[in-house]
């Protein structure tokens, strides 16, 4: 997941056990499920997916996700709050 809030681009923190193990934006309170789906706004969309690559020397690279959104497989629309 790309940890950039879809509201105004703030960096979303890690899973917050106090909020049911959700990702929470510290700026305006948007909440996301473990798979990045938006659960509570003001964020209009789910967190974007990212491809993560780890090299042999442990460098981490993020790149654009180009595959279908696996969150849509169950018929859910990750752009809409649950």
C-alpha atoms as a PDB file:
ATOM      1  CA  UNK A   1       0.000   0.000   0.000  1.00  0.00           C
ATOM      2  CA  UNK A   2       1.091   3.539  -0.656  1.00  0.00           C
ATOM      3  CA  UNK A   3       0.757   5.295   2.704  1.00  0.00           C
ATOM      4  CA  UNK A   4      -0.461   8.582   1.237  1.00  0.00           C
ATOM      5  CA  UNK A   5      -3.919   9.677   2.321  1.00  0.00           C
ATOM      6  CA  UNK A   6      -6.257  10.166  -0.632  1.00  0.00           C
ATOM      7  CA  UNK A   7      -7.767  13.230   1.049  1.00  0.00           C
ATOM      8  CA  UNK A   8      -4.890  15.727   0.958  1.00  0.00           C
ATOM      9  CA  UNK A   9      -1.772  13.582   0.619  1.00  0.00           C
ATOM     10  CA  UNK A  10      -0.686  13.345   4.266  1.00  0.00           C
ATOM     11  CA  UNK A  11       1.339  10.306   5.306  1.00  0.00           C
ATOM     12  CA  UNK A  12      -0.831   7.678   6.959  1.00  0.00           C
ATOM     13  CA  UNK A  13       0.559   6.038  10.098  1.00  0.00           C
ATOM     14  CA  UNK A  14       0.948   2.333  10.782  1.00  0.00           C
ATOM     15  CA  UNK A  15      -1.833   0.086  12.028  1.00  0.00           C
ATOM     16  CA  UNK A  16      -3.360   1.612  15.159  1.00  0.00           C
ATOM     17  CA  UNK A  17      -4.443  -1.022  17.741  1.00  0.00           C
ATOM     18  CA  UNK A  18      -6.460   1.617  19.594  1.00  0.00           C
ATOM     19  CA  UNK A  19      -8.626   2.027  16.477  1.00  0.00           C
ATOM     20  CA  UNK A  20      -9.186  -1.624  15.649  1.00  0.00           C
ATOM     21  CA  UNK A  21      -5.908  -2.130  13.774  1.00  0.00           C
ATOM     22  CA  UNK A  22      -6.744   0.429  11.124  1.00  0.00           C
ATOM     23  CA  UNK A  23      -4.425   2.771   9.257  1.00  0.00           C
ATOM     24  CA  UNK A  24      -5.251   6.311  10.418  1.00  0.00           C
ATOM     25  CA  UNK A  25      -4.366   9.633   8.819  1.00  0.00           C
ATOM     26  CA  UNK A  26      -3.078  11.943  11.580  1.00  0.00           C
ATOM     27  CA  UNK A  27      -4.151  15.114   9.749  1.00  0.00           C
ATOM     28  CA  UNK A  28      -7.915  14.753   9.321  1.00  0.00           C
ATOM     29  CA  UNK A  29      -8.763  11.332  10.781  1.00  0.00           C
ATOM     30  CA  UNK A  30      -9.478   9.222   7.713  1.00  0.00           C
ATOM     31  CA  UNK A  31      -9.356   5.514   8.527  1.00  0.00           C
ATOM     32  CA  UNK A  32      -8.391   2.627   6.265  1.00  0.00           C
ATOM     33  CA  UNK A  33      -8.742  -1.155   6.603  1.00  0.00           C
ATOM     34  CA  UNK A  34      -5.716  -3.455   6.561  1.00  0.00           C
ATOM     35  CA  UNK A  35      -6.137  -3.849   2.774  1.00  0.00           C
ATOM     36  CA  UNK A  36      -6.285  -0.070   2.284  1.00  0.00           C
ATOM     37  CA  UNK A  37     -10.024   0.310   1.724  1.00  0.00           C
ATOM     38  CA  UNK A  38     -11.331   3.595   3.096  1.00  0.00           C
ATOM     39  CA  UNK A  39     -13.563   3.012   6.131  1.00  0.00           C
ATOM     40  CA  UNK A  40     -14.087   6.577   7.327  1.00  0.00           C
ATOM     41  CA  UNK A  41     -13.550   9.893   5.556  1.00  0.00           C
ATOM     42  CA  UNK A  42     -12.949  12.591   4.662  1.00  0.00           C
ATOM     43  CA  UNK A  43     -10.742  10.521   2.308  1.00  0.00           C
ATOM     44  CA  UNK A  44     -12.696   9.966  -0.928  1.00  0.00           C
ATOM     45  CA  UNK A  45     -10.842   6.818  -2.059  1.00  0.00           C
ATOM     46  CA  UNK A  46      -8.940   3.846  -0.721  1.00  0.00           C
ATOM     47  CA  UNK A  47      -5.157   3.904  -0.384  1.00  0.00           C
ATOM     48  CA  UNK A  48      -3.409   3.292  -3.669  1.00  0.00           C
ATOM     49  CA  UNK A  49      -1.671  -0.021  -4.232  1.00  0.00           C
ATOM     50  CA  UNK A  50       2.073  -0.083  -4.889  1.00  0.00           C
ATOM     51  CA  UNK A  51       4.515  -2.689  -6.137  1.00  0.00           C
ATOM     52  CA  UNK A  52       7.284  -3.267  -3.567  1.00  0.00           C
ATOM     53  CA  UNK A  53      10.644  -4.623  -4.679  1.00  0.00           C
ATOM     54  CA  UNK A  54      13.475  -5.555  -2.309  1.00  0.00           C
ATOM     55  CA  UNK A  55      16.906  -5.926  -3.891  1.00  0.00           C
ATOM     56  CA  UNK A  56      19.639  -8.357  -2.861  1.00  0.00           C
ATOM     57  CA  UNK A  57      21.286  -5.581  -0.817  1.00  0.00           C
ATOM     58  CA  UNK A  58      17.972  -4.895   1.020  1.00  0.00           C
ATOM     59  CA  UNK A  59      17.114  -1.661  -0.778  1.00  0.00           C
ATOM     60  CA  UNK A  60      13.333  -1.152  -1.002  1.00  0.00           C
ATOM     61  CA  UNK A  61      11.709   0.361  -4.093  1.00  0.00           C
ATOM     62  CA  UNK A  62       8.068   1.332  -4.686  1.00  0.00           C
ATOM     63  CA  UNK A  63       6.643   1.462  -8.195  1.00  0.00           C
ATOM     64  CA  UNK A  64       3.236   1.831  -9.794  1.00  0.00           C
ATOM     65  CA  UNK A  65       0.795  -1.061  -9.334  1.00  0.00           C
ATOM     66  CA  UNK A  66      -0.133  -2.261 -12.835  1.00  0.00           C
ATOM     67  CA  UNK A  67      -2.193  -5.358 -12.072  1.00  0.00           C
ATOM     68  CA  UNK A  68      -5.947  -5.418 -11.413  1.00  0.00           C
ATOM     69  CA  UNK A  69      -6.976  -4.245  -7.958  1.00  0.00           C
ATOM     70  CA  UNK A  70      -7.377  -7.449  -5.923  1.00  0.00           C
ATOM     71  CA  UNK A  71      -9.844  -5.626  -3.664  1.00  0.00           C
ATOM     72  CA  UNK A  72     -12.346  -5.631  -6.530  1.00  0.00           C
ATOM     73  CA  UNK A  73     -12.363  -9.431  -6.785  1.00  0.00           C
ATOM     74  CA  UNK A  74     -14.974  -9.759  -4.063  1.00  0.00           C
ATOM     75  CA  UNK A  75     -17.206  -7.200  -5.742  1.00  0.00           C
ATOM     76  CA  UNK A  76     -16.216  -4.428  -3.350  1.00  0.00           C
ATOM     77  CA  UNK A  77     -15.471  -0.993  -4.709  1.00  0.00           C
ATOM     78  CA  UNK A  78     -12.383   0.277  -2.858  1.00  0.00           C
ATOM     79  CA  UNK A  79     -13.312   3.819  -3.850  1.00  0.00           C
ATOM     80  CA  UNK A  80     -16.396   3.749  -1.623  1.00  0.00           C
ATOM     81  CA  UNK A  81     -16.434   3.673   2.170  1.00  0.00           C
ATOM     82  CA  UNK A  82     -17.558   0.403   3.760  1.00  0.00           C
END
